[in-house]
PDB file of N, CA and C in Angstrom:
ATOM      1  N   MET A   1    -389.860-163.841  28.084  1.00  0.00           N
ATOM      2  CA  MET A   1    -389.066-164.052  29.278  1.00  0.00           C
ATOM      3  C   MET A   1    -388.389-165.416  29.192  1.00  0.00           C
ATOM      4  N   VAL A   2    -387.136-165.480  29.534  1.00  0.00           N
ATOM      5  CA  VAL A   2    -386.361-166.710  29.506  1.00  0.00           C
ATOM      6  C   VAL A   2    -386.554-167.444  30.830  1.00  0.00           C
ATOM      7  N   ASP A   3    -386.785-168.750  30.756  1.00  0.00           N
ATOM      8  CA  ASP A   3    -386.883-169.541  31.973  1.00  0.00           C
ATOM      9  C   ASP A   3    -385.525-169.599  32.644  1.00  0.00           C
ATOM     10  N   GLN A   4    -385.522-169.443  33.946  1.00  0.00           N
ATOM     11  CA  GLN A   4    -384.274-169.511  34.687  1.00  0.00           C
ATOM     12  C   GLN A   4    -384.012-170.934  35.139  1.00  0.00           C
ATOM     13  N   ALA A   5    -382.747-171.308  35.121  1.00  0.00           N
ATOM     14  CA  ALA A   5    -382.340-172.611  35.632  1.00  0.00           C
ATOM     15  C   ALA A   5    -382.420-172.578  37.157  1.00  0.00           C
ATOM     16  N   GLN A   6    -382.656-173.728  37.741  1.00  0.00           N
ATOM     17  CA  GLN A   6    -382.640-173.833  39.195  1.00  0.00           C
ATOM     18  C   GLN A   6    -381.194-173.794  39.650  1.00  0.00           C
ATOM     19  N   SER A   7    -380.857-172.851  40.504  1.00  0.00           N
ATOM     20  CA  SER A   7    -379.502-172.804  41.048  1.00  0.00           C
ATOM     21  C   SER A   7    -379.471-173.582  42.357  1.00  0.00           C
ATOM     22  N   GLY A   8    -378.286-173.823  42.840  1.00  0.00           N
ATOM     23  CA  GLY A   8    -378.111-174.460  44.135  1.00  0.00           C
ATOM     24  C   GLY A   8    -377.024-173.747  44.894  1.00  0.00           C
ATOM     25  N   ILE A   9    -377.094-173.817  46.212  1.00  0.00           N
ATOM     26  CA  ILE A   9    -376.031-173.236  47.029  1.00  0.00           C
ATOM     27  C   ILE A   9    -375.720-174.225  48.142  1.00  0.00           C
ATOM     28  N   GLY A  10    -374.481-174.637  48.196  1.00  0.00           N
ATOM     29  CA  GLY A  10    -373.997-175.511  49.250  1.00  0.00           C
ATOM     30  C   GLY A  10    -372.955-174.749  50.042  1.00  0.00           C
ATOM     31  N   THR A  11    -372.976-174.876  51.351  1.00  0.00           N
ATOM     32  CA  THR A  11    -372.081-174.083  52.191  1.00  0.00           C
ATOM     33  C   THR A  11    -371.233-174.969  53.082  1.00  0.00           C
ATOM     34  N   GLN A  12    -370.128-174.410  53.533  1.00  0.00           N
ATOM     35  CA  GLN A  12    -369.210-175.139  54.403  1.00  0.00           C
ATOM     36  C   GLN A  12    -368.620-174.173  55.414  1.00  0.00           C
ATOM     37  N   PRO A  13    -369.145-174.166  56.674  1.00  0.00           N
ATOM     38  CA  PRO A  13    -368.558-173.304  57.687  1.00  0.00           C
ATOM     39  C   PRO A  13    -367.300-173.925  58.268  1.00  0.00           C
ATOM     40  N   ASP A  14    -366.579-173.142  59.063  1.00  0.00           N
ATOM     41  CA  ASP A  14    -365.446-173.674  59.808  1.00  0.00           C
ATOM     42  C   ASP A  14    -365.922-174.775  60.746  1.00  0.00           C
ATOM     43  N   ALA A  15    -365.008-175.616  61.141  1.00  0.00           N
ATOM     44  CA  ALA A  15    -365.299-176.579  62.197  1.00  0.00           C
ATOM     45  C   ALA A  15    -365.335-175.830  63.522  1.00  0.00           C
ATOM     46  N   SER A  16    -365.630-176.517  64.604  1.00  0.00           N
ATOM     47  CA  SER A  16    -365.644-175.871  65.911  1.00  0.00           C
ATOM     48  C   SER A  16    -364.266-175.301  66.226  1.00  0.00           C
ATOM     49  N   LEU A  17    -364.268-174.137  66.856  1.00  0.00           N
ATOM     50  CA  LEU A  17    -363.035-173.407  67.111  1.00  0.00           C
ATOM     51  C   LEU A  17    -362.951-173.001  68.563  1.00  0.00           C
ATOM     52  N   THR A  18    -361.808-172.471  68.946  1.00  0.00           N
ATOM     53  CA  THR A  18    -361.659-171.973  70.306  1.00  0.00           C
ATOM     54  C   THR A  18    -361.876-170.466  70.334  1.00  0.00           C
ATOM     55  N   PHE A  19    -362.056-169.950  71.541  1.00  0.00           N
ATOM     56  CA  PHE A  19    -362.338-168.544  71.813  1.00  0.00           C
ATOM     57  C   PHE A  19    -361.412-167.608  71.039  1.00  0.00           C
ATOM     58  N   SER A  20    -361.931-166.475  70.639  1.00  0.00           N
ATOM     59  CA  SER A  20    -361.214-165.438  69.885  1.00  0.00           C
ATOM     60  C   SER A  20    -360.737-165.963  68.535  1.00  0.00           C
ATOM     61  N   ALA A  21    -361.610-166.709  67.886  1.00  0.00           N
ATOM     62  CA  ALA A  21    -361.271-167.324  66.607  1.00  0.00           C
ATOM     63  C   ALA A  21    -361.745-166.462  65.447  1.00  0.00           C
ATOM     64  N   ASP A  22    -361.110-166.662  64.303  1.00  0.00           N
ATOM     65  CA  ASP A  22    -361.542-166.031  63.063  1.00  0.00           C
ATOM     66  C   ASP A  22    -362.460-167.003  62.336  1.00  0.00           C
ATOM     67  N   LEU A  23    -363.728-166.614  62.181  1.00  0.00           N
ATOM     68  CA  LEU A  23    -364.700-167.455  61.490  1.00  0.00           C
ATOM     69  C   LEU A  23    -364.717-167.119  60.007  1.00  0.00           C
ATOM     70  N   THR A  24    -364.852-168.133  59.181  1.00  0.00           N
ATOM     71  CA  THR A  24    -365.053-167.936  57.748  1.00  0.00           C
ATOM     72  C   THR A  24    -366.137-168.903  57.285  1.00  0.00           C
ATOM     73  N   ASP A  25    -366.679-168.622  56.132  1.00  0.00           N
ATOM     74  CA  ASP A  25    -367.665-169.497  55.520  1.00  0.00           C
ATOM     75  C   ASP A  25    -367.380-169.522  54.031  1.00  0.00           C
ATOM     76  N   SER A  26    -367.779-170.579  53.369  1.00  0.00           N
ATOM     77  CA  SER A  26    -367.652-170.640  51.914  1.00  0.00           C
ATOM     78  C   SER A  26    -368.942-171.211  51.345  1.00  0.00           C
ATOM     79  N   ALA A  27    -369.211-170.860  50.105  1.00  0.00           N
ATOM     80  CA  ALA A  27    -370.412-171.342  49.427  1.00  0.00           C
ATOM     81  C   ALA A  27    -370.068-171.700  47.994  1.00  0.00           C
ATOM     82  N   THR A  28    -370.672-172.765  47.508  1.00  0.00           N
ATOM     83  CA  THR A  28    -370.543-173.161  46.117  1.00  0.00           C
ATOM     84  C   THR A  28    -371.902-172.978  45.453  1.00  0.00           C
ATOM     85  N   VAL A  29    -371.922-172.147  44.425  1.00  0.00           N
ATOM     86  CA  VAL A  29    -373.149-171.879  43.682  1.00  0.00           C
ATOM     87  C   VAL A  29    -373.100-172.685  42.391  1.00  0.00           C
ATOM     88  N   THR A  30    -374.169-173.416  42.123  1.00  0.00           N
ATOM     89  CA  THR A  30    -374.266-174.196  40.895  1.00  0.00           C
ATOM     90  C   THR A  30    -375.423-173.665  40.058  1.00  0.00           C
ATOM     91  N   GLY A  31    -375.308-173.826  38.760  1.00  0.00           N
ATOM     92  CA  GLY A  31    -376.340-173.373  37.839  1.00  0.00           C
ATOM     93  C   GLY A  31    -375.746-173.284  36.450  1.00  0.00           C
ATOM     94  N   VAL A  32    -376.286-172.400  35.626  1.00  0.00           N
ATOM     95  CA  VAL A  32    -375.784-172.177  34.273  1.00  0.00           C
ATOM     96  C   VAL A  32    -374.875-170.959  34.312  1.00  0.00           C
ATOM     97  N   ALA A  33    -373.558-171.205  34.451  1.00  0.00           N
ATOM     98  CA  ALA A  33    -372.555-170.137  34.531  1.00  0.00           C
ATOM     99  C   ALA A  33    -373.036-168.995  35.422  1.00  0.00           C
ATOM    100  N   PRO A  34    -373.287-169.274  36.716  1.00  0.00           N
ATOM    101  CA  PRO A  34    -373.855-168.249  37.592  1.00  0.00           C
ATOM    102  C   PRO A  34    -372.955-167.013  37.713  1.00  0.00           C
ATOM    103  N   THR A  35    -373.603-165.860  37.790  1.00  0.00           N
ATOM    104  CA  THR A  35    -372.919-164.583  37.993  1.00  0.00           C
ATOM    105  C   THR A  35    -373.588-163.869  39.155  1.00  0.00           C
ATOM    106  N   GLY A  36    -372.978-162.796  39.597  1.00  0.00           N
ATOM    107  CA  GLY A  36    -373.569-162.024  40.681  1.00  0.00           C
ATOM    108  C   GLY A  36    -372.767-162.179  41.951  1.00  0.00           C
ATOM    109  N   LYS A  37    -373.471-162.244  43.076  1.00  0.00           N
ATOM    110  CA  LYS A  37    -372.783-162.302  44.363  1.00  0.00           C
ATOM    111  C   LYS A  37    -373.503-163.226  45.321  1.00  0.00           C
ATOM    112  N   VAL A  38    -372.773-163.583  46.372  1.00  0.00           N
ATOM    113  CA  VAL A  38    -373.323-164.332  47.497  1.00  0.00           C
ATOM    114  C   VAL A  38    -373.248-163.415  48.707  1.00  0.00           C
ATOM    115  N   THR A  39    -374.349-163.311  49.439  1.00  0.00           N
ATOM    116  CA  THR A  39    -374.372-162.534  50.674  1.00  0.00           C
ATOM    117  C   THR A  39    -374.319-163.506  51.837  1.00  0.00           C
ATOM    118  N   PHE A  40    -373.261-163.397  52.627  1.00  0.00           N
ATOM    119  CA  PHE A  40    -373.089-164.221  53.826  1.00  0.00           C
ATOM    120  C   PHE A  40    -373.548-163.405  55.029  1.00  0.00           C
ATOM    121  N   ARG A  41    -374.265-164.059  55.932  1.00  0.00           N
ATOM    122  CA  ARG A  41    -374.688-163.408  57.173  1.00  0.00           C
ATOM    123  C   ARG A  41    -374.361-164.339  58.337  1.00  0.00           C
ATOM    124  N   LEU A  42    -373.897-163.752  59.436  1.00  0.00           N
ATOM    125  CA  LEU A  42    -373.569-164.517  60.641  1.00  0.00           C
ATOM    126  C   LEU A  42    -374.511-164.061  61.751  1.00  0.00           C
ATOM    127  N   PHE A  43    -375.103-165.031  62.441  1.00  0.00           N
ATOM    128  CA  PHE A  43    -376.070-164.750  63.495  1.00  0.00           C
ATOM    129  C   PHE A  43    -375.611-165.378  64.808  1.00  0.00           C
ATOM    130  N   SER A  44    -376.070-164.790  65.907  1.00  0.00           N
ATOM    131  CA  SER A  44    -375.706-165.310  67.222  1.00  0.00           C
ATOM    132  C   SER A  44    -376.795-166.199  67.821  1.00  0.00           C
ATOM    133  N   ASP A  45    -377.853-166.470  67.063  1.00  0.00           N
ATOM    134  CA  ASP A  45    -378.930-167.315  67.570  1.00  0.00           C
ATOM    135  C   ASP A  45    -379.430-168.250  66.467  1.00  0.00           C
ATOM    136  N   ASP A  46    -380.028-169.367  66.890  1.00  0.00           N
ATOM    137  CA  ASP A  46    -380.427-170.397  65.926  1.00  0.00           C
ATOM    138  C   ASP A  46    -381.708-170.071  65.154  1.00  0.00           C
ATOM    139  N   THR A  47    -382.331-168.937  65.428  1.00  0.00           N
ATOM    140  CA  THR A  47    -383.485-168.498  64.639  1.00  0.00           C
ATOM    141  C   THR A  47    -383.070-167.439  63.617  1.00  0.00           C
ATOM    142  N   CYS A  48    -381.785-167.104  63.632  1.00  0.00           N
ATOM    143  CA  CYS A  48    -381.226-166.099  62.718  1.00  0.00           C
ATOM    144  C   CYS A  48    -381.948-164.761  62.828  1.00  0.00           C
ATOM    145  N   ALA A  49    -382.192-164.357  64.065  1.00  0.00           N
ATOM    146  CA  ALA A  49    -382.833-163.066  64.323  1.00  0.00           C
ATOM    147  C   ALA A  49    -381.816-161.985  64.675  1.00  0.00           C
ATOM    148  N   THR A  50    -380.681-162.383  65.249  1.00  0.00           N
ATOM    149  CA  THR A  50    -379.691-161.413  65.693  1.00  0.00           C
ATOM    150  C   THR A  50    -378.452-161.512  64.814  1.00  0.00           C
ATOM    151  N   GLN A  51    -378.402-160.652  63.800  1.00  0.00           N
ATOM    152  CA  GLN A  51    -377.278-160.655  62.854  1.00  0.00           C
ATOM    153  C   GLN A  51    -376.117-159.862  63.433  1.00  0.00           C
ATOM    154  N   VAL A  52    -374.908-160.449  63.344  1.00  0.00           N
ATOM    155  CA  VAL A  52    -373.720-159.773  63.878  1.00  0.00           C
ATOM    156  C   VAL A  52    -372.709-159.421  62.786  1.00  0.00           C
ATOM    157  N   TYR A  53    -372.904-159.963  61.574  1.00  0.00           N
ATOM    158  CA  TYR A  53    -371.937-159.712  60.502  1.00  0.00           C
ATOM    159  C   TYR A  53    -372.589-160.020  59.168  1.00  0.00           C
ATOM    160  N   THR A  54    -372.213-159.257  58.151  1.00  0.00           N
ATOM    161  CA  THR A  54    -372.651-159.543  56.780  1.00  0.00           C
ATOM    162  C   THR A  54    -371.527-159.207  55.818  1.00  0.00           C
ATOM    163  N   GLU A  55    -371.451-159.954  54.732  1.00  0.00           N
ATOM    164  CA  GLU A  55    -370.431-159.703  53.715  1.00  0.00           C
ATOM    165  C   GLU A  55    -370.951-160.164  52.356  1.00  0.00           C
ATOM    166  N   ASP A  56    -370.802-159.303  51.349  1.00  0.00           N
ATOM    167  CA  ASP A  56    -371.127-159.648  49.970  1.00  0.00           C
ATOM    168  C   ASP A  56    -369.845-160.050  49.257  1.00  0.00           C
ATOM    169  N   VAL A  57    -369.885-161.185  48.560  1.00  0.00           N
ATOM    170  CA  VAL A  57    -368.721-161.679  47.832  1.00  0.00           C
ATOM    171  C   VAL A  57    -369.139-161.941  46.384  1.00  0.00           C
ATOM    172  N   ASP A  58    -368.445-161.315  45.441  1.00  0.00           N
ATOM    173  CA  ASP A  58    -368.734-161.502  44.020  1.00  0.00           C
ATOM    174  C   ASP A  58    -368.286-162.884  43.557  1.00  0.00           C
ATOM    175  N   LEU A  59    -369.127-163.519  42.732  1.00  0.00           N
ATOM    176  CA  LEU A  59    -368.733-164.772  42.102  1.00  0.00           C
ATOM    177  C   LEU A  59    -367.665-164.481  41.053  1.00  0.00           C
ATOM    178  N   PRO A  60    -366.708-165.389  40.871  1.00  0.00           N
ATOM    179  CA  PRO A  60    -365.681-165.160  39.850  1.00  0.00           C
ATOM    180  C   PRO A  60    -366.283-165.217  38.450  1.00  0.00           C
ATOM    181  N   ALA A  61    -365.662-164.505  37.534  1.00  0.00           N
ATOM    182  CA  ALA A  61    -366.103-164.516  36.136  1.00  0.00           C
ATOM    183  C   ALA A  61    -365.780-165.875  35.522  1.00  0.00           C
ATOM    184  N   GLY A  62    -366.446-166.182  34.455  1.00  0.00           N
ATOM    185  CA  GLY A  62    -366.147-167.416  33.736  1.00  0.00           C
ATOM    186  C   GLY A  62    -367.401-168.203  33.439  1.00  0.00           C
ATOM    187  N   SER A  63    -367.241-169.232  32.644  1.00  0.00           N
ATOM    188  CA  SER A  63    -368.381-170.024  32.192  1.00  0.00           C
ATOM    189  C   SER A  63    -368.599-171.289  33.013  1.00  0.00           C
ATOM    190  N   ASP A  64    -367.861-171.448  34.122  1.00  0.00           N
ATOM    191  CA  ASP A  64    -368.036-172.636  34.963  1.00  0.00           C
ATOM    192  C   ASP A  64    -369.459-172.686  35.511  1.00  0.00           C
ATOM    193  N   ASN A  65    -370.006-173.887  35.628  1.00  0.00           N
ATOM    194  CA  ASN A  65    -371.352-174.058  36.177  1.00  0.00           C
ATOM    195  C   ASN A  65    -371.351-174.273  37.679  1.00  0.00           C
ATOM    196  N   SER A  66    -370.185-174.228  38.297  1.00  0.00           N
ATOM    197  CA  SER A  66    -370.038-174.353  39.740  1.00  0.00           C
ATOM    198  C   SER A  66    -368.940-173.386  40.177  1.00  0.00           C
ATOM    199  N   LYS A  67    -369.290-172.456  41.063  1.00  0.00           N
ATOM    200  CA  LYS A  67    -368.328-171.445  41.511  1.00  0.00           C
ATOM    201  C   LYS A  67    -368.347-171.361  43.032  1.00  0.00           C
ATOM    202  N   THR A  68    -367.144-171.324  43.622  1.00  0.00           N
ATOM    203  CA  THR A  68    -367.011-171.273  45.072  1.00  0.00           C
ATOM    204  C   THR A  68    -366.404-169.954  45.499  1.00  0.00           C
ATOM    205  N   VAL A  69    -366.983-169.360  46.544  1.00  0.00           N
ATOM    206  CA  VAL A  69    -366.467-168.125  47.128  1.00  0.00           C
ATOM    207  C   VAL A  69    -366.413-168.278  48.641  1.00  0.00           C
ATOM    208  N   SER A  70    -365.553-167.468  49.275  1.00  0.00           N
ATOM    209  CA  SER A  70    -365.390-167.514  50.729  1.00  0.00           C
ATOM    210  C   SER A  70    -365.408-166.116  51.311  1.00  0.00           C
ATOM    211  N   THR A  71    -365.770-166.049  52.585  1.00  0.00           N
ATOM    212  CA  THR A  71    -365.742-164.777  53.301  1.00  0.00           C
ATOM    213  C   THR A  71    -364.321-164.463  53.741  1.00  0.00           C
ATOM    214  N   THR A  72    -364.110-163.220  54.121  1.00  0.00           N
ATOM    215  CA  THR A  72    -362.894-162.880  54.841  1.00  0.00           C
ATOM    216  C   THR A  72    -363.122-163.305  56.293  1.00  0.00           C
ATOM    217  N   ALA A  73    -362.108-163.216  57.110  1.00  0.00           N
ATOM    218  CA  ALA A  73    -362.222-163.664  58.496  1.00  0.00           C
ATOM    219  C   ALA A  73    -362.963-162.637  59.347  1.00  0.00           C
ATOM    220  N   PHE A  74    -363.846-163.127  60.203  1.00  0.00           N
ATOM    221  CA  PHE A  74    -364.547-162.311  61.186  1.00  0.00           C
ATOM    222  C   PHE A  74    -364.193-162.854  62.559  1.00  0.00           C
ATOM    223  N   GLN A  75    -363.637-162.016  63.416  1.00  0.00           N
ATOM    224  CA  GLN A  75    -363.190-162.493  64.723  1.00  0.00           C
ATOM    225  C   GLN A  75    -364.329-162.473  65.728  1.00  0.00           C
ATOM    226  N   VAL A  76    -364.605-163.642  66.294  1.00  0.00           N
ATOM    227  CA  VAL A  76    -365.613-163.790  67.328  1.00  0.00           C
ATOM    228  C   VAL A  76    -364.903-163.812  68.679  1.00  0.00           C
ATOM    229  N   THR A  77    -365.377-162.982  69.593  1.00  0.00           N
ATOM    230  CA  THR A  77    -364.720-162.881  70.896  1.00  0.00           C
ATOM    231  C   THR A  77    -365.600-163.380  72.034  1.00  0.00           C
ATOM    232  N   THR A  78    -366.656-164.102  71.691  1.00  0.00           N
ATOM    233  CA  THR A  78    -367.560-164.644  72.694  1.00  0.00           C
ATOM    234  C   THR A  78    -367.796-166.114  72.400  1.00  0.00           C
ATOM    235  N   ALA A  79    -367.705-166.941  73.430  1.00  0.00           N
ATOM    236  CA  ALA A  79    -367.983-168.368  73.257  1.00  0.00           C
ATOM    237  C   ALA A  79    -369.472-168.561  72.973  1.00  0.00           C
ATOM    238  N   GLY A  80    -369.794-169.621  72.270  1.00  0.00           N
ATOM    239  CA  GLY A  80    -371.182-169.941  71.955  1.00  0.00           C
ATOM    240  C   GLY A  80    -371.279-170.564  70.580  1.00  0.00           C
ATOM    241  N   THR A  81    -372.495-170.724  70.118  1.00  0.00           N
ATOM    242  CA  THR A  81    -372.724-171.276  68.794  1.00  0.00           C
ATOM    243  C   THR A  81    -373.187-170.158  67.875  1.00  0.00           C
ATOM    244  N   TRP A  82    -372.601-170.109  66.693  1.00  0.00           N
ATOM    245  CA  TRP A  82    -372.854-169.062  65.701  1.00  0.00           C
ATOM    246  C   TRP A  82    -373.414-169.719  64.456  1.00  0.00           C
ATOM    247  N   TYR A  83    -374.240-168.998  63.711  1.00  0.00           N
ATOM    248  CA  TYR A  83    -374.980-169.576  62.591  1.00  0.00           C
ATOM    249  C   TYR A  83    -374.796-168.731  61.335  1.00  0.00           C
ATOM    250  N   TRP A  84    -374.321-169.370  60.257  1.00  0.00           N
ATOM    251  CA  TRP A  84    -374.147-168.711  58.960  1.00  0.00           C
ATOM    252  C   TRP A  84    -375.350-168.975  58.072  1.00  0.00           C
ATOM    253  N   THR A  85    -375.683-168.020  57.230  1.00  0.00           N
ATOM    254  CA  THR A  85    -376.555-168.247  56.084  1.00  0.00           C
ATOM    255  C   THR A  85    -375.853-167.666  54.865  1.00  0.00           C
ATOM    256  N   ALA A  86    -376.173-168.194  53.711  1.00  0.00           N
ATOM    257  CA  ALA A  86    -375.628-167.682  52.452  1.00  0.00           C
ATOM    258  C   ALA A  86    -376.779-167.541  51.469  1.00  0.00           C
ATOM    259  N   VAL A  87    -376.800-166.403  50.769  1.00  0.00           N
ATOM    260  CA  VAL A  87    -377.871-166.128  49.813  1.00  0.00           C
ATOM    261  C   VAL A  87    -377.256-165.793  48.462  1.00  0.00           C
ATOM    262  N   TYR A  88    -377.673-166.526  47.444  1.00  0.00           N
ATOM    263  CA  TYR A  88    -377.319-166.203  46.062  1.00  0.00           C
ATOM    264  C   TYR A  88    -378.555-165.570  45.453  1.00  0.00           C
ATOM    265  N   GLY A  89    -378.420-164.337  44.980  1.00  0.00           N
ATOM    266  CA  GLY A  89    -379.561-163.582  44.488  1.00  0.00           C
ATOM    267  C   GLY A  89    -380.054-163.980  43.113  1.00  0.00           C
ATOM    268  N   GLY A  90    -379.308-164.796  42.399  1.00  0.00           N
ATOM    269  CA  GLY A  90    -379.698-165.200  41.060  1.00  0.00           C
ATOM    270  C   GLY A  90    -379.196-164.219  40.011  1.00  0.00           C
ATOM    271  N   ASP A  91    -379.450-164.543  38.765  1.00  0.00           N
ATOM    272  CA  ASP A  91    -379.080-163.686  37.636  1.00  0.00           C
ATOM    273  C   ASP A  91    -380.051-163.961  36.493  1.00  0.00           C
ATOM    274  N   ALA A  92    -379.744-163.488  35.295  1.00  0.00           N
ATOM    275  CA  ALA A  92    -380.657-163.654  34.162  1.00  0.00           C
ATOM    276  C   ALA A  92    -380.904-165.118  33.817  1.00  0.00           C
ATOM    277  N   ASN A  93    -379.943-165.992  34.125  1.00  0.00           N
ATOM    278  CA  ASN A  93    -380.064-167.408  33.775  1.00  0.00           C
ATOM    279  C   ASN A  93    -380.429-168.325  34.934  1.00  0.00           C
ATOM    280  N   ASN A  94    -380.266-167.846  36.164  1.00  0.00           N
ATOM    281  CA  ASN A  94    -380.405-168.710  37.335  1.00  0.00           C
ATOM    282  C   ASN A  94    -381.290-168.077  38.393  1.00  0.00           C
ATOM    283  N   ALA A  95    -382.178-168.870  38.955  1.00  0.00           N
ATOM    284  CA  ALA A  95    -382.982-168.422  40.084  1.00  0.00           C
ATOM    285  C   ALA A  95    -382.090-168.340  41.326  1.00  0.00           C
ATOM    286  N   GLY A  96    -382.499-167.574  42.297  1.00  0.00           N
ATOM    287  CA  GLY A  96    -381.727-167.445  43.533  1.00  0.00           C
ATOM    288  C   GLY A  96    -381.822-168.685  44.403  1.00  0.00           C
ATOM    289  N   SER A  97    -380.897-168.773  45.372  1.00  0.00           N
ATOM    290  CA  SER A  97    -380.861-169.884  46.327  1.00  0.00           C
ATOM    291  C   SER A  97    -380.456-169.346  47.687  1.00  0.00           C
ATOM    292  N   THR A  98    -380.940-169.982  48.742  1.00  0.00           N
ATOM    293  CA  THR A  98    -380.621-169.572  50.105  1.00  0.00           C
ATOM    294  C   THR A  98    -380.341-170.797  50.952  1.00  0.00           C
ATOM    295  N   SER A  99    -379.285-170.744  51.755  1.00  0.00           N
ATOM    296  CA  SER A  99    -379.060-171.818  52.723  1.00  0.00           C
ATOM    297  C   SER A  99    -379.940-171.541  53.944  1.00  0.00           C
ATOM    298  N   ALA A 100    -380.438-172.584  54.544  1.00  0.00           N
ATOM    299  CA  ALA A 100    -381.369-172.449  55.663  1.00  0.00           C
ATOM    300  C   ALA A 100    -380.672-172.004  56.942  1.00  0.00           C
ATOM    301  N   CYS A 101    -381.393-171.251  57.748  1.00  0.00           N
ATOM    302  CA  CYS A 101    -380.884-170.879  59.067  1.00  0.00           C
ATOM    303  C   CYS A 101    -380.696-172.152  59.886  1.00  0.00           C
ATOM    304  N   GLY A 102    -379.585-172.243  60.565  1.00  0.00           N
ATOM    305  CA  GLY A 102    -379.308-173.425  61.374  1.00  0.00           C
ATOM    306  C   GLY A 102    -378.660-174.554  60.610  1.00  0.00           C
ATOM    307  N   ALA A 103    -378.567-174.440  59.284  1.00  0.00           N
ATOM    308  CA  ALA A 103    -377.968-175.510  58.483  1.00  0.00           C
ATOM    309  C   ALA A 103    -376.465-175.557  58.658  1.00  0.00           C
ATOM    310  N   GLU A 104    -375.872-174.448  59.040  1.00  0.00           N
ATOM    311  CA  GLU A 104    -374.428-174.414  59.237  1.00  0.00           C
ATOM    312  C   GLU A 104    -374.091-173.616  60.482  1.00  0.00           C
ATOM    313  N   SER A 105    -373.671-174.331  61.493  1.00  0.00           N
ATOM    314  CA  SER A 105    -373.328-173.691  62.759  1.00  0.00           C
ATOM    315  C   SER A 105    -371.860-173.951  63.099  1.00  0.00           C
ATOM    316  N   VAL A 106    -371.319-173.052  63.887  1.00  0.00           N
ATOM    317  CA  VAL A 106    -369.945-173.172  64.372  1.00  0.00           C
ATOM    318  C   VAL A 106    -369.980-172.935  65.869  1.00  0.00           C
ATOM    319  N   THR A 107    -369.359-173.819  66.628  1.00  0.00           N
ATOM    320  CA  THR A 107    -369.313-173.665  68.077  1.00  0.00           C
ATOM    321  C   THR A 107    -367.949-173.137  68.484  1.00  0.00           C
ATOM    322  N   ILE A 108    -367.971-172.066  69.250  1.00  0.00           N
ATOM    323  CA  ILE A 108    -366.750-171.467  69.792  1.00  0.00           C
ATOM    324  C   ILE A 108    -366.697-171.826  71.265  1.00  0.00           C
ATOM    325  N   THR A 109    -365.631-172.496  71.668  1.00  0.00           N
ATOM    326  CA  THR A 109    -365.491-172.889  73.068  1.00  0.00           C
ATOM    327  C   THR A 109    -364.572-171.926  73.790  1.00  0.00           C
ATOM    328  N   ALA A 110    -364.878-171.710  75.051  1.00  0.00           N
ATOM    329  CA  ALA A 110    -364.039-170.844  75.884  1.00  0.00           C
ATOM    330  C   ALA A 110    -362.768-171.599  76.256  1.00  0.00           C
ATOM    331  N   PRO A 111    -361.666-170.879  76.416  1.00  0.00           N
ATOM    332  CA  PRO A 111    -360.437-171.567  76.820  1.00  0.00           C
ATOM    333  C   PRO A 111    -360.581-172.104  78.237  1.00  0.00           C
ATOM    334  N   SER A 112    -359.907-173.185  78.494  1.00  0.00           N
ATOM    335  CA  SER A 112    -359.925-173.724  79.852  1.00  0.00           C
ATOM    336  C   SER A 112    -358.497-173.788  80.365  1.00  0.00           C
ATOM    337  N   PHE A 113    -358.378-173.645  81.642  1.00  0.00           N
ATOM    338  CA  PHE A 113    -357.061-173.732  82.268  1.00  0.00           C
ATOM    339  C   PHE A 113    -357.255-174.135  83.717  1.00  0.00           C
ATOM    340  N   SER A 114    -356.198-174.590  84.317  1.00  0.00           N
ATOM    341  CA  SER A 114    -356.262-174.950  85.737  1.00  0.00           C
ATOM    342  C   SER A 114    -355.000-174.415  86.413  1.00  0.00           C
ATOM    343  N   THR A 115    -355.126-174.200  87.688  1.00  0.00           N
ATOM    344  CA  THR A 115    -353.986-173.703  88.445  1.00  0.00           C
ATOM    345  C   THR A 115    -353.740-174.621  89.641  1.00  0.00           C
ATOM    346  N   VAL A 116    -352.519-174.618  90.109  1.00  0.00           N
ATOM    347  CA  VAL A 116    -352.144-175.386  91.288  1.00  0.00           C
ATOM    348  C   VAL A 116    -351.478-174.398  92.243  1.00  0.00           C
ATOM    349  N   PRO A 117    -352.129-174.148  93.391  1.00  0.00           N
ATOM    350  CA  PRO A 117    -351.524-173.197  94.320  1.00  0.00           C
ATOM    351  C   PRO A 117    -350.246-173.775  94.945  1.00  0.00           C
ATOM    352  N   THR A 118    -349.329-172.915  95.272  1.00  0.00           N
ATOM    353  CA  THR A 118    -348.126-173.352  95.969  1.00  0.00           C
ATOM    354  C   THR A 118    -348.112-172.742  97.356  1.00  0.00           C
ATOM    355  N   ALA A 119    -347.532-173.458  98.280  1.00  0.00           N
ATOM    356  CA  ALA A 119    -347.467-172.981  99.665  1.00  0.00           C
ATOM    357  C   ALA A 119    -346.471-171.829  99.753  1.00  0.00           C
ATOM    358  N   PRO A 120    -346.757-170.857 100.630  1.00  0.00           N
ATOM    359  CA  PRO A 120    -345.788-169.730 100.759  1.00  0.00           C
ATOM    360  C   PRO A 120    -344.478-170.166 101.368  1.00  0.00           C
TER     361      PRO A 120
END
């Protein structure tokens, strides 16, 4: 059996956004020419118990020891804080890696507006 290199996964969610926003996440996998995929999951709670979205993204081919992938856009229609996780399953040369729940959050704020009544 071949010893696997320790892989790493670093993630970067969107900054805070306004209501009805398209959320995306990206992850950079490091190791010995990592192959395979990254599974992104989006949760509506900070314990990552309530999953609302998942997407598998294949790592690009090539011999690079650092590869970055991103999700497609997922539209959130409720204000609040959302939590991404990213999981790299590993391959023949690299052990898997997982980003921690709560390590990357995005806050969606509700729109605000004000009105001024006019006299009839």
